[in-house]
N, C-alpha and C. Protein backbone atom coordinates (compact mmCIF):
# COMPACT_ATOMS: atom_id res chain seq x y z
N MET A 1 43.72 23.68 26.88
CA MET A 1 43.48 24.85 27.71
C MET A 1 42.05 24.84 28.26
N TYR A 2 41.06 24.63 27.36
CA TYR A 2 39.67 24.61 27.80
C TYR A 2 39.42 23.49 28.80
N ALA A 3 40.07 22.33 28.59
CA ALA A 3 39.91 21.20 29.50
C ALA A 3 40.42 21.56 30.89
N VAL A 4 41.52 22.27 30.98
CA VAL A 4 42.07 22.67 32.28
C VAL A 4 41.12 23.63 32.98
N VAL A 5 40.60 24.60 32.25
CA VAL A 5 39.65 25.56 32.82
C VAL A 5 38.40 24.84 33.29
N PHE A 6 37.89 23.93 32.46
CA PHE A 6 36.69 23.18 32.81
C PHE A 6 36.93 22.36 34.09
N LEU A 7 38.04 21.65 34.16
CA LEU A 7 38.35 20.84 35.34
C LEU A 7 38.50 21.70 36.58
N ALA A 8 39.09 22.86 36.43
CA ALA A 8 39.23 23.78 37.56
C ALA A 8 37.86 24.24 38.05
N LEU A 9 36.96 24.53 37.12
CA LEU A 9 35.61 24.94 37.49
C LEU A 9 34.86 23.82 38.19
N VAL A 10 34.97 22.60 37.67
CA VAL A 10 34.32 21.46 38.29
C VAL A 10 34.87 21.23 39.69
N ALA A 11 36.17 21.27 39.84
CA ALA A 11 36.80 21.06 41.15
C ALA A 11 36.34 22.11 42.15
N SER A 12 36.26 23.36 41.72
CA SER A 12 35.84 24.41 42.65
C SER A 12 34.37 24.26 43.00
N ALA A 13 33.55 23.79 42.06
CA ALA A 13 32.12 23.60 42.33
C ALA A 13 31.90 22.46 43.32
N LEU A 14 32.79 21.47 43.31
CA LEU A 14 32.63 20.32 44.18
C LEU A 14 33.36 20.48 45.52
N ALA A 15 34.15 21.52 45.65
CA ALA A 15 34.96 21.70 46.86
C ALA A 15 34.07 22.06 48.04
N GLU A 16 34.19 21.28 49.09
CA GLU A 16 33.46 21.60 50.30
C GLU A 16 34.17 22.77 50.98
N VAL A 17 33.48 23.42 51.89
CA VAL A 17 34.02 24.62 52.52
C VAL A 17 34.60 24.27 53.89
N TYR A 18 35.93 24.26 53.97
CA TYR A 18 36.65 24.00 55.21
C TYR A 18 37.42 25.25 55.63
N VAL A 19 37.49 25.47 56.94
CA VAL A 19 38.20 26.62 57.49
C VAL A 19 39.07 26.10 58.64
N ASP A 20 40.31 26.55 58.68
CA ASP A 20 41.24 26.11 59.73
C ASP A 20 40.99 26.85 61.04
N SER A 21 39.87 26.55 61.65
CA SER A 21 39.55 27.12 62.97
C SER A 21 38.36 26.38 63.55
N ARG A 22 38.05 26.70 64.77
CA ARG A 22 36.86 26.13 65.42
C ARG A 22 35.62 26.83 64.87
N CYS A 23 34.46 26.26 65.18
CA CYS A 23 33.21 26.88 64.75
C CYS A 23 33.06 28.25 65.40
N PRO A 24 32.60 29.23 64.64
CA PRO A 24 32.44 30.57 65.20
C PRO A 24 31.24 30.64 66.15
N ASP A 25 31.25 31.65 66.99
CA ASP A 25 30.12 31.92 67.86
C ASP A 25 29.05 32.58 67.00
N ILE A 26 27.97 31.88 66.77
CA ILE A 26 26.92 32.35 65.86
C ILE A 26 25.80 33.01 66.64
N GLN A 27 25.30 34.10 66.12
CA GLN A 27 24.15 34.77 66.70
C GLN A 27 22.96 34.59 65.75
N PRO A 28 22.11 33.59 66.03
CA PRO A 28 20.94 33.41 65.17
C PRO A 28 19.99 34.60 65.29
N VAL A 29 19.06 34.68 64.37
CA VAL A 29 18.06 35.74 64.38
C VAL A 29 17.33 35.71 65.73
N GLN A 30 17.02 36.88 66.26
CA GLN A 30 16.31 37.00 67.54
C GLN A 30 14.82 37.20 67.29
N ASN A 31 14.02 37.01 68.35
CA ASN A 31 12.56 37.10 68.25
C ASN A 31 12.04 36.18 67.14
N PHE A 32 12.62 34.99 67.09
CA PHE A 32 12.33 34.02 66.04
C PHE A 32 10.91 33.48 66.18
N ASP A 33 10.16 33.52 65.10
CA ASP A 33 8.80 33.00 65.05
C ASP A 33 8.85 31.60 64.45
N VAL A 34 9.06 30.62 65.31
CA VAL A 34 9.26 29.24 64.83
C VAL A 34 8.04 28.71 64.10
N ALA A 35 6.84 29.11 64.51
CA ALA A 35 5.63 28.63 63.84
C ALA A 35 5.56 29.14 62.40
N ASN A 36 5.93 30.40 62.19
CA ASN A 36 5.92 30.97 60.83
C ASN A 36 7.01 30.37 59.96
N TYR A 37 8.18 30.16 60.55
CA TYR A 37 9.30 29.59 59.79
C TYR A 37 9.02 28.13 59.42
N GLY A 38 8.48 27.39 60.38
CA GLY A 38 8.33 25.95 60.21
C GLY A 38 7.04 25.50 59.60
N LYS A 39 6.56 26.20 58.60
CA LYS A 39 5.37 25.73 57.89
C LYS A 39 5.57 25.94 56.40
N GLY A 40 5.08 25.02 55.63
CA GLY A 40 5.16 25.15 54.18
C GLY A 40 6.48 24.69 53.61
N VAL A 41 6.82 25.24 52.46
CA VAL A 41 7.98 24.79 51.68
C VAL A 41 9.04 25.89 51.62
N TRP A 42 10.30 25.48 51.76
CA TRP A 42 11.46 26.33 51.53
C TRP A 42 12.27 25.71 50.40
N TYR A 43 12.57 26.48 49.37
CA TYR A 43 13.40 26.02 48.25
C TYR A 43 14.85 26.40 48.51
N GLU A 44 15.75 25.48 48.21
CA GLU A 44 17.18 25.68 48.42
C GLU A 44 17.78 26.38 47.19
N ILE A 45 17.71 27.69 47.19
CA ILE A 45 18.14 28.50 46.05
C ILE A 45 19.66 28.44 45.86
N ALA A 46 20.39 28.45 46.96
CA ALA A 46 21.86 28.38 46.90
C ALA A 46 22.35 27.67 48.15
N ARG A 47 23.56 27.11 48.05
CA ARG A 47 24.14 26.40 49.18
C ARG A 47 25.65 26.36 49.04
N TYR A 48 26.33 26.15 50.15
CA TYR A 48 27.74 25.79 50.10
C TYR A 48 27.81 24.34 49.61
N PRO A 49 28.80 24.02 48.80
CA PRO A 49 28.89 22.64 48.31
C PRO A 49 29.17 21.66 49.46
N ASN A 50 28.50 20.52 49.39
CA ASN A 50 28.75 19.45 50.35
C ASN A 50 28.39 18.12 49.71
N ARG A 51 29.05 17.07 50.16
CA ARG A 51 28.89 15.74 49.54
C ARG A 51 27.46 15.24 49.54
N LYS A 52 26.73 15.52 50.59
CA LYS A 52 25.37 14.99 50.72
C LYS A 52 24.43 15.56 49.66
N GLU A 53 24.74 16.74 49.16
CA GLU A 53 23.86 17.39 48.19
C GLU A 53 24.56 17.65 46.86
N MET A 54 25.68 17.01 46.63
CA MET A 54 26.55 17.36 45.50
C MET A 54 25.82 17.41 44.16
N LYS A 55 25.00 16.43 43.86
CA LYS A 55 24.36 16.38 42.54
C LYS A 55 22.86 16.67 42.62
N ILE A 56 22.43 17.30 43.68
CA ILE A 56 21.01 17.55 43.88
C ILE A 56 20.60 18.90 43.29
N ASP A 57 19.57 18.87 42.46
CA ASP A 57 18.93 20.07 41.94
C ASP A 57 17.50 20.12 42.45
N CYS A 58 16.89 21.29 42.39
CA CYS A 58 15.49 21.48 42.83
C CYS A 58 15.28 21.08 44.28
N GLY A 59 16.29 21.29 45.11
CA GLY A 59 16.17 20.92 46.51
C GLY A 59 15.16 21.79 47.23
N HIS A 60 14.33 21.15 48.01
CA HIS A 60 13.38 21.89 48.83
C HIS A 60 13.02 21.07 50.06
N THR A 61 12.52 21.77 51.06
CA THR A 61 12.14 21.14 52.32
C THR A 61 10.70 21.47 52.62
N GLU A 62 9.94 20.44 52.96
CA GLU A 62 8.55 20.60 53.36
C GLU A 62 8.47 20.48 54.88
N TYR A 63 7.95 21.50 55.53
CA TYR A 63 7.78 21.50 56.98
C TYR A 63 6.30 21.29 57.31
N THR A 64 6.04 20.43 58.29
CA THR A 64 4.68 20.21 58.77
C THR A 64 4.69 20.28 60.29
N PRO A 65 3.93 21.22 60.89
CA PRO A 65 3.90 21.32 62.35
C PRO A 65 3.36 20.02 62.98
N GLN A 66 4.00 19.59 64.07
CA GLN A 66 3.61 18.37 64.79
C GLN A 66 3.75 18.62 66.29
N GLY A 67 2.92 19.46 66.85
CA GLY A 67 3.03 19.75 68.28
C GLY A 67 4.23 20.63 68.57
N ASP A 68 5.21 20.12 69.35
CA ASP A 68 6.37 20.92 69.73
C ASP A 68 7.53 20.80 68.75
N HIS A 69 7.30 20.13 67.63
CA HIS A 69 8.35 19.99 66.61
C HIS A 69 7.72 20.01 65.22
N PHE A 70 8.54 19.82 64.21
CA PHE A 70 8.08 19.80 62.83
C PHE A 70 8.59 18.56 62.15
N SER A 71 7.73 17.95 61.34
CA SER A 71 8.28 16.90 60.47
C SER A 71 8.94 17.63 59.31
N VAL A 72 10.06 17.10 58.87
CA VAL A 72 10.86 17.72 57.81
C VAL A 72 11.07 16.69 56.72
N LYS A 73 10.76 17.07 55.50
CA LYS A 73 11.00 16.19 54.35
C LYS A 73 11.83 16.96 53.35
N ASN A 74 13.10 16.55 53.20
CA ASN A 74 14.00 17.16 52.22
C ASN A 74 13.89 16.39 50.92
N LEU A 75 13.65 17.11 49.83
CA LEU A 75 13.49 16.50 48.52
C LEU A 75 14.38 17.18 47.50
N GLY A 76 14.76 16.44 46.48
CA GLY A 76 15.55 17.00 45.39
C GLY A 76 15.73 15.95 44.31
N PHE A 77 16.24 16.37 43.18
CA PHE A 77 16.43 15.47 42.05
C PHE A 77 17.91 15.29 41.75
N ASN A 78 18.30 14.04 41.53
CA ASN A 78 19.65 13.69 41.14
C ASN A 78 19.56 13.00 39.78
N ASN A 79 19.87 13.74 38.71
CA ASN A 79 19.77 13.22 37.34
C ASN A 79 18.41 12.60 37.06
N GLY A 80 17.35 13.28 37.45
CA GLY A 80 16.00 12.83 37.17
C GLY A 80 15.42 11.87 38.18
N LYS A 81 16.18 11.48 39.18
CA LYS A 81 15.69 10.57 40.21
C LYS A 81 15.36 11.37 41.46
N LEU A 82 14.12 11.22 41.94
CA LEU A 82 13.70 11.93 43.14
C LEU A 82 14.37 11.31 44.37
N MET A 83 15.03 12.15 45.14
CA MET A 83 15.70 11.73 46.37
C MET A 83 14.99 12.41 47.54
N SER A 84 14.89 11.70 48.66
CA SER A 84 14.26 12.32 49.83
C SER A 84 14.87 11.77 51.12
N ILE A 85 14.77 12.57 52.14
CA ILE A 85 15.21 12.20 53.47
C ILE A 85 14.24 12.87 54.44
N GLU A 86 13.78 12.13 55.44
CA GLU A 86 12.79 12.65 56.37
C GLU A 86 13.31 12.63 57.80
N GLY A 87 12.91 13.63 58.55
CA GLY A 87 13.30 13.71 59.94
C GLY A 87 12.43 14.70 60.68
N VAL A 88 12.98 15.27 61.74
CA VAL A 88 12.25 16.25 62.54
C VAL A 88 13.15 17.44 62.84
N ALA A 89 12.51 18.56 63.14
CA ALA A 89 13.22 19.77 63.54
C ALA A 89 12.48 20.38 64.73
N LYS A 90 13.25 20.99 65.63
CA LYS A 90 12.65 21.67 66.77
C LYS A 90 13.61 22.75 67.25
N LEU A 91 13.09 23.65 68.05
CA LEU A 91 13.96 24.65 68.66
C LEU A 91 14.95 23.96 69.59
N ALA A 92 16.18 24.41 69.57
CA ALA A 92 17.18 23.89 70.50
C ALA A 92 16.77 24.28 71.92
N GLU A 93 17.12 23.44 72.88
CA GLU A 93 16.75 23.72 74.28
C GLU A 93 17.29 25.05 74.76
N ASP A 94 18.47 25.45 74.26
CA ASP A 94 19.07 26.71 74.69
C ASP A 94 18.81 27.86 73.71
N ALA A 95 17.81 27.70 72.85
CA ALA A 95 17.54 28.71 71.82
C ALA A 95 16.99 30.01 72.39
N GLY A 96 16.26 29.92 73.50
CA GLY A 96 15.60 31.13 73.99
C GLY A 96 14.61 31.60 72.93
N ASN A 97 14.74 32.85 72.51
CA ASN A 97 13.87 33.35 71.44
C ASN A 97 14.62 33.47 70.12
N SER A 98 15.70 32.70 69.99
CA SER A 98 16.52 32.79 68.76
C SER A 98 16.17 31.69 67.77
N GLY A 99 16.71 31.81 66.58
CA GLY A 99 16.49 30.86 65.50
C GLY A 99 17.50 29.73 65.50
N LYS A 100 17.74 29.14 66.66
CA LYS A 100 18.65 27.99 66.75
C LYS A 100 17.81 26.72 66.76
N LEU A 101 17.95 25.92 65.71
CA LEU A 101 17.14 24.72 65.54
C LEU A 101 18.00 23.47 65.62
N ILE A 102 17.37 22.36 66.02
CA ILE A 102 18.01 21.04 65.98
C ILE A 102 17.27 20.22 64.94
N PHE A 103 18.02 19.76 63.94
CA PHE A 103 17.47 18.88 62.92
C PHE A 103 17.96 17.46 63.20
N THR A 104 17.05 16.51 63.24
CA THR A 104 17.40 15.10 63.42
C THR A 104 17.04 14.38 62.13
N LEU A 105 18.08 13.93 61.42
CA LEU A 105 17.89 13.28 60.12
C LEU A 105 18.76 12.03 60.04
N PRO A 106 18.30 11.01 59.29
CA PRO A 106 19.12 9.81 59.10
C PRO A 106 20.17 10.05 58.02
N TYR A 107 21.40 9.56 58.26
CA TYR A 107 22.48 9.73 57.29
C TYR A 107 23.20 8.42 57.07
N GLY A 108 23.83 8.32 55.91
CA GLY A 108 24.67 7.17 55.59
C GLY A 108 23.88 5.92 55.30
N ALA A 109 24.60 4.87 54.97
CA ALA A 109 23.99 3.59 54.60
C ALA A 109 23.21 2.99 55.77
N SER A 110 23.66 3.24 56.99
CA SER A 110 22.99 2.67 58.16
C SER A 110 21.71 3.43 58.52
N GLY A 111 21.58 4.66 58.03
CA GLY A 111 20.42 5.47 58.37
C GLY A 111 20.44 5.97 59.80
N LYS A 112 21.63 6.01 60.40
CA LYS A 112 21.77 6.48 61.77
C LYS A 112 21.29 7.93 61.88
N LYS A 113 20.43 8.17 62.86
CA LYS A 113 19.90 9.52 63.04
C LYS A 113 20.94 10.39 63.74
N THR A 114 21.12 11.57 63.19
CA THR A 114 22.11 12.51 63.69
C THR A 114 21.45 13.85 63.97
N ASP A 115 21.78 14.45 65.11
CA ASP A 115 21.30 15.79 65.44
C ASP A 115 22.29 16.82 64.91
N ASN A 116 21.77 17.83 64.23
CA ASN A 116 22.60 18.92 63.73
C ASN A 116 21.98 20.25 64.12
N VAL A 117 22.81 21.18 64.56
CA VAL A 117 22.34 22.52 64.89
C VAL A 117 22.30 23.34 63.61
N LEU A 118 21.17 23.92 63.33
CA LEU A 118 21.00 24.79 62.18
C LEU A 118 20.62 26.17 62.71
N ASN A 119 21.43 27.17 62.40
CA ASN A 119 21.18 28.53 62.86
C ASN A 119 20.55 29.35 61.75
N VAL A 120 19.37 29.87 62.02
CA VAL A 120 18.72 30.77 61.08
C VAL A 120 19.33 32.15 61.32
N LEU A 121 20.13 32.60 60.36
CA LEU A 121 20.82 33.89 60.51
C LEU A 121 19.91 35.06 60.16
N TYR A 122 19.01 34.82 59.20
CA TYR A 122 18.07 35.86 58.79
C TYR A 122 16.86 35.20 58.14
N THR A 123 15.70 35.76 58.38
CA THR A 123 14.50 35.36 57.63
C THR A 123 13.46 36.46 57.73
N ASP A 124 12.68 36.59 56.67
CA ASP A 124 11.50 37.45 56.73
C ASP A 124 10.24 36.58 56.72
N TYR A 125 10.41 35.26 56.78
CA TYR A 125 9.37 34.23 56.88
C TYR A 125 8.56 34.04 55.61
N ASP A 126 8.32 35.10 54.84
CA ASP A 126 7.47 35.01 53.65
C ASP A 126 8.25 34.86 52.35
N ASN A 127 9.52 35.25 52.34
CA ASN A 127 10.27 35.27 51.09
C ASN A 127 11.57 34.47 51.12
N PHE A 128 12.43 34.76 52.09
CA PHE A 128 13.71 34.05 52.11
C PHE A 128 14.27 33.90 53.52
N ALA A 129 15.22 32.99 53.62
CA ALA A 129 15.94 32.75 54.87
C ALA A 129 17.38 32.40 54.54
N ILE A 130 18.28 32.70 55.46
CA ILE A 130 19.69 32.34 55.31
C ILE A 130 20.05 31.54 56.55
N VAL A 131 20.54 30.32 56.34
CA VAL A 131 20.81 29.43 57.46
C VAL A 131 22.25 28.90 57.39
N TYR A 132 22.76 28.50 58.56
CA TYR A 132 24.17 28.11 58.66
C TYR A 132 24.32 26.95 59.64
N HIS A 133 25.22 26.05 59.30
CA HIS A 133 25.59 24.93 60.17
C HIS A 133 27.10 24.78 60.11
N CYS A 134 27.71 24.48 61.24
CA CYS A 134 29.15 24.27 61.31
C CYS A 134 29.43 22.93 61.97
N GLN A 135 30.37 22.21 61.40
CA GLN A 135 30.78 20.92 61.96
C GLN A 135 32.29 20.94 62.17
N PHE A 136 32.71 20.83 63.44
CA PHE A 136 34.14 20.85 63.75
C PHE A 136 34.70 19.44 63.65
N HIS A 137 35.86 19.31 62.98
CA HIS A 137 36.55 18.03 62.83
C HIS A 137 37.80 18.07 63.71
N GLU A 138 37.70 17.41 64.84
CA GLU A 138 38.79 17.39 65.83
C GLU A 138 40.10 16.91 65.22
N GLU A 139 40.04 15.81 64.44
CA GLU A 139 41.26 15.22 63.89
C GLU A 139 41.96 16.14 62.90
N LYS A 140 41.22 17.00 62.24
CA LYS A 140 41.81 17.93 61.27
C LYS A 140 42.03 19.32 61.86
N ASN A 141 41.48 19.53 63.06
CA ASN A 141 41.51 20.84 63.70
C ASN A 141 40.98 21.92 62.75
N SER A 142 39.88 21.57 62.07
CA SER A 142 39.24 22.52 61.16
C SER A 142 37.74 22.29 61.20
N ARG A 143 37.03 23.24 60.65
CA ARG A 143 35.58 23.13 60.62
C ARG A 143 35.11 23.05 59.18
N GLN A 144 33.94 22.46 59.00
CA GLN A 144 33.28 22.48 57.70
C GLN A 144 32.06 23.37 57.84
N ASP A 145 31.96 24.34 56.96
CA ASP A 145 30.82 25.26 56.95
C ASP A 145 29.78 24.79 55.95
N PHE A 146 28.52 24.88 56.37
CA PHE A 146 27.38 24.62 55.52
C PHE A 146 26.52 25.88 55.57
N ALA A 147 26.04 26.33 54.45
CA ALA A 147 25.15 27.49 54.43
C ALA A 147 24.15 27.31 53.30
N TRP A 148 22.96 27.83 53.51
CA TRP A 148 21.90 27.73 52.51
C TRP A 148 21.17 29.06 52.42
N ILE A 149 20.79 29.41 51.22
CA ILE A 149 19.87 30.52 50.97
C ILE A 149 18.57 29.86 50.54
N LEU A 150 17.54 30.08 51.33
CA LEU A 150 16.24 29.45 51.10
C LEU A 150 15.24 30.49 50.64
N SER A 151 14.28 30.04 49.85
CA SER A 151 13.24 30.94 49.35
C SER A 151 11.90 30.21 49.36
N ARG A 152 10.84 30.95 49.50
CA ARG A 152 9.50 30.36 49.43
C ARG A 152 9.10 30.07 47.99
N SER A 153 9.88 30.57 47.03
CA SER A 153 9.63 30.29 45.61
C SER A 153 10.93 29.78 44.99
N LYS A 154 10.86 29.30 43.77
CA LYS A 154 12.03 28.69 43.11
C LYS A 154 13.05 29.71 42.62
N SER A 155 12.75 30.98 42.76
CA SER A 155 13.71 32.02 42.36
C SER A 155 13.50 33.25 43.24
N LEU A 156 14.50 34.10 43.24
CA LEU A 156 14.42 35.35 43.99
C LEU A 156 14.25 36.51 43.02
N SER A 157 13.38 37.45 43.36
CA SER A 157 13.25 38.66 42.56
C SER A 157 14.55 39.45 42.69
N PRO A 158 14.83 40.38 41.77
CA PRO A 158 16.04 41.20 41.90
C PRO A 158 16.12 41.94 43.24
N GLU A 159 14.97 42.40 43.74
CA GLU A 159 14.95 43.12 45.02
C GLU A 159 15.35 42.20 46.18
N LEU A 160 14.79 40.98 46.18
CA LEU A 160 15.12 40.03 47.25
C LEU A 160 16.57 39.56 47.13
N LYS A 161 17.03 39.34 45.91
CA LYS A 161 18.42 38.93 45.68
C LYS A 161 19.37 40.01 46.23
N ALA A 162 19.01 41.28 46.03
CA ALA A 162 19.84 42.38 46.54
C ALA A 162 19.89 42.34 48.08
N LYS A 163 18.76 42.03 48.72
CA LYS A 163 18.74 41.93 50.19
C LYS A 163 19.62 40.77 50.66
N VAL A 164 19.51 39.63 49.96
CA VAL A 164 20.34 38.47 50.30
C VAL A 164 21.82 38.83 50.14
N ASP A 165 22.17 39.42 49.00
CA ASP A 165 23.56 39.79 48.74
C ASP A 165 24.10 40.74 49.80
N LYS A 166 23.28 41.69 50.22
CA LYS A 166 23.69 42.65 51.25
C LYS A 166 23.96 41.93 52.57
N PHE A 167 23.03 41.05 52.96
CA PHE A 167 23.22 40.33 54.22
C PHE A 167 24.49 39.48 54.18
N VAL A 168 24.68 38.73 53.09
CA VAL A 168 25.85 37.85 52.97
C VAL A 168 27.14 38.67 52.98
N SER A 169 27.15 39.79 52.26
CA SER A 169 28.38 40.60 52.20
C SER A 169 28.74 41.21 53.55
N GLU A 170 27.74 41.46 54.39
CA GLU A 170 27.98 42.05 55.71
C GLU A 170 28.24 41.00 56.79
N SER A 171 28.03 39.74 56.44
CA SER A 171 28.20 38.65 57.40
C SER A 171 29.68 38.40 57.68
N LYS A 172 29.99 38.07 58.93
CA LYS A 172 31.36 37.73 59.30
C LYS A 172 31.63 36.25 59.09
N VAL A 173 30.61 35.48 58.75
CA VAL A 173 30.73 34.03 58.61
C VAL A 173 30.59 33.58 57.16
N LEU A 174 29.73 34.22 56.40
CA LEU A 174 29.41 33.77 55.05
C LEU A 174 30.32 34.37 53.99
N ASP A 175 30.50 33.64 52.90
CA ASP A 175 31.33 34.07 51.78
C ASP A 175 30.53 33.84 50.50
N SER A 176 30.14 34.91 49.84
CA SER A 176 29.29 34.78 48.64
C SER A 176 29.94 33.96 47.54
N SER A 177 31.27 33.95 47.48
CA SER A 177 31.95 33.20 46.41
C SER A 177 31.86 31.69 46.61
N LYS A 178 31.46 31.25 47.79
CA LYS A 178 31.39 29.81 48.07
C LYS A 178 30.05 29.18 47.68
N PHE A 179 29.04 30.00 47.48
CA PHE A 179 27.72 29.46 47.17
C PHE A 179 27.65 28.89 45.76
N VAL A 180 26.95 27.76 45.64
CA VAL A 180 26.60 27.20 44.33
C VAL A 180 25.09 27.36 44.19
N TRP A 181 24.66 27.52 42.95
CA TRP A 181 23.25 27.80 42.68
C TRP A 181 22.66 26.63 41.89
N PRO A 182 21.93 25.73 42.57
CA PRO A 182 21.38 24.55 41.90
C PRO A 182 20.40 24.92 40.79
N ASP A 183 20.20 23.97 39.89
CA ASP A 183 19.32 24.13 38.74
C ASP A 183 17.86 23.95 39.18
N PHE A 184 17.02 24.91 38.86
CA PHE A 184 15.59 24.82 39.11
C PHE A 184 14.79 24.85 37.81
N SER A 185 15.42 24.49 36.71
CA SER A 185 14.71 24.45 35.43
C SER A 185 13.66 23.34 35.45
N ASP A 186 12.69 23.43 34.54
CA ASP A 186 11.66 22.40 34.45
C ASP A 186 12.28 21.03 34.23
N LYS A 187 13.32 20.97 33.42
CA LYS A 187 13.97 19.69 33.13
C LYS A 187 14.61 19.10 34.39
N ALA A 188 15.29 19.93 35.16
CA ALA A 188 15.98 19.45 36.36
C ALA A 188 15.01 19.06 37.48
N CYS A 189 13.82 19.65 37.45
CA CYS A 189 12.84 19.43 38.52
C CYS A 189 11.79 18.39 38.15
N LYS A 190 12.12 17.52 37.24
CA LYS A 190 11.16 16.52 36.77
C LYS A 190 11.79 15.14 36.86
N ALA A 191 11.01 14.19 37.39
CA ALA A 191 11.49 12.81 37.49
C ALA A 191 11.52 12.17 36.11
N SER A 192 12.56 11.39 35.87
CA SER A 192 12.67 10.65 34.61
C SER A 192 11.66 9.51 34.61
N ALA A 193 11.18 9.19 33.43
CA ALA A 193 10.21 8.09 33.32
C ALA A 193 10.88 6.75 33.41
């Protein structure tokens, strides 16, 4: 019995988020301050499960302004091994004053650079941000949703967590039950010798 429950929990934790529809029309945050958002470190407090980050704990992104774009360094630990991927981020050409960003990062064994639209749904710049990406799969006629709750620190205070929960519960796109919460313990955030 316990084995069945455990396997069900593991399967649900590893399940990526697919929806049988096209990507929704997203309204990113307006009056977006890209300079404030794109500096310093954002910690990945929670995320929708996805293969690229399946075993990653202590995920965080370091942003460094570079003229009209930002260098982006994504870091995290996989069983004590530091993993990283570097690329760039910039406002999308059609962003206007919204939080629609284009991230260019290398993926796969070939390291082919891929552009991905990342929509900042909410941010207060100093404490937390909620971001979303959608990838439509033509052959399956379904989309894969990616979402992240980011924080300037490794944890959220109860007050900030309540704000995040309120935003997610009122969102027409996000589902709080889909988020996984990576480990930010000292042990998980330390490279093995």
